[in-house]
Amino acid sequence: MKPLSESTKRRMAEFFMRTSIPRILAKEQQEMAMEKETLKTKGA
């Protein structure tokens, strides 16, 4: 396997950002929403 060129690395990084970051953020938001719900039900 030959070393990656700079442009290829950059393209892979951009692709990773576009595909993975939104998924990670969505997952975090879901978890936070779930925590808020459990706090609400426990506090009530």
C-alpha atoms as a PDB file:
ATOM      1  CA  MET A   1       0.000   0.000   0.000  1.00  0.00           C
ATOM      2  CA  LYS A   2       1.596   3.224  -1.128  1.00  0.00           C
ATOM      3  CA  PRO A   3       1.531   6.352   1.051  1.00  0.00           C
ATOM      4  CA  LEU A   4      -1.370   8.688   0.428  1.00  0.00           C
ATOM      5  CA  SER A   5      -0.837  11.980  -1.331  1.00  0.00           C
ATOM      6  CA  GLU A   6      -1.806  15.220   0.382  1.00  0.00           C
ATOM      7  CA  SER A   7      -4.819  15.801  -1.857  1.00  0.00           C
ATOM      8  CA  THR A   8      -6.105  12.293  -1.186  1.00  0.00           C
ATOM      9  CA  LYS A   9      -5.689  12.780   2.558  1.00  0.00           C
ATOM     10  CA  ARG A  10      -7.540  16.077   2.366  1.00  0.00           C
ATOM     11  CA  ARG A  11     -10.360  14.521   0.374  1.00  0.00           C
ATOM     12  CA  MET A  12     -10.685  11.674   2.869  1.00  0.00           C
ATOM     13  CA  ALA A  13     -10.712  14.123   5.778  1.00  0.00           C
ATOM     14  CA  GLU A  14     -13.439  16.208   4.152  1.00  0.00           C
ATOM     15  CA  PHE A  15     -15.469  13.094   3.414  1.00  0.00           C
ATOM     16  CA  PHE A  16     -15.072  11.949   7.018  1.00  0.00           C
ATOM     17  CA  MET A  17     -16.169  15.347   8.334  1.00  0.00           C
ATOM     18  CA  ARG A  18     -19.238  15.413   6.107  1.00  0.00           C
ATOM     19  CA  THR A  19     -20.354  11.877   6.907  1.00  0.00           C
ATOM     20  CA  SER A  20     -19.293  11.236  10.495  1.00  0.00           C
ATOM     21  CA  ILE A  21     -19.618  14.557  12.311  1.00  0.00           C
ATOM     22  CA  PRO A  22     -23.378  15.010  11.677  1.00  0.00           C
ATOM     23  CA  ARG A  23     -23.993  11.445  12.811  1.00  0.00           C
ATOM     24  CA  ILE A  24     -22.002  11.977  16.016  1.00  0.00           C
ATOM     25  CA  LEU A  25     -23.788  15.269  16.728  1.00  0.00           C
ATOM     26  CA  ALA A  26     -27.197  13.716  16.125  1.00  0.00           C
ATOM     27  CA  LYS A  27     -26.361  10.872  18.488  1.00  0.00           C
ATOM     28  CA  GLU A  28     -25.236  13.303  21.201  1.00  0.00           C
ATOM     29  CA  GLN A  29     -28.406  15.362  20.831  1.00  0.00           C
ATOM     30  CA  GLN A  30     -30.519  12.205  21.093  1.00  0.00           C
ATOM     31  CA  GLU A  31     -28.735  11.147  24.275  1.00  0.00           C
ATOM     32  CA  MET A  32     -29.137  14.608  25.811  1.00  0.00           C
ATOM     33  CA  ALA A  33     -32.848  14.624  24.973  1.00  0.00           C
ATOM     34  CA  MET A  34     -33.257  11.206  26.556  1.00  0.00           C
ATOM     35  CA  GLU A  35     -31.469  12.369  29.708  1.00  0.00           C
ATOM     36  CA  LYS A  36     -33.778  15.383  29.957  1.00  0.00           C
ATOM     37  CA  GLU A  37     -36.806  13.110  29.627  1.00  0.00           C
ATOM     38  CA  THR A  38     -35.623  10.801  32.414  1.00  0.00           C
ATOM     39  CA  LEU A  39     -34.906  13.794  34.652  1.00  0.00           C
ATOM     40  CA  LYS A  40     -38.415  15.111  34.000  1.00  0.00           C
ATOM     41  CA  THR A  41     -40.091  11.797  34.848  1.00  0.00           C
ATOM     42  CA  LYS A  42     -37.970  11.293  37.977  1.00  0.00           C
ATOM     43  CA  GLY A  43     -38.544  14.839  39.224  1.00  0.00           C
ATOM     44  CA  ALA A  44     -42.308  14.760  38.675  1.00  0.00           C
END
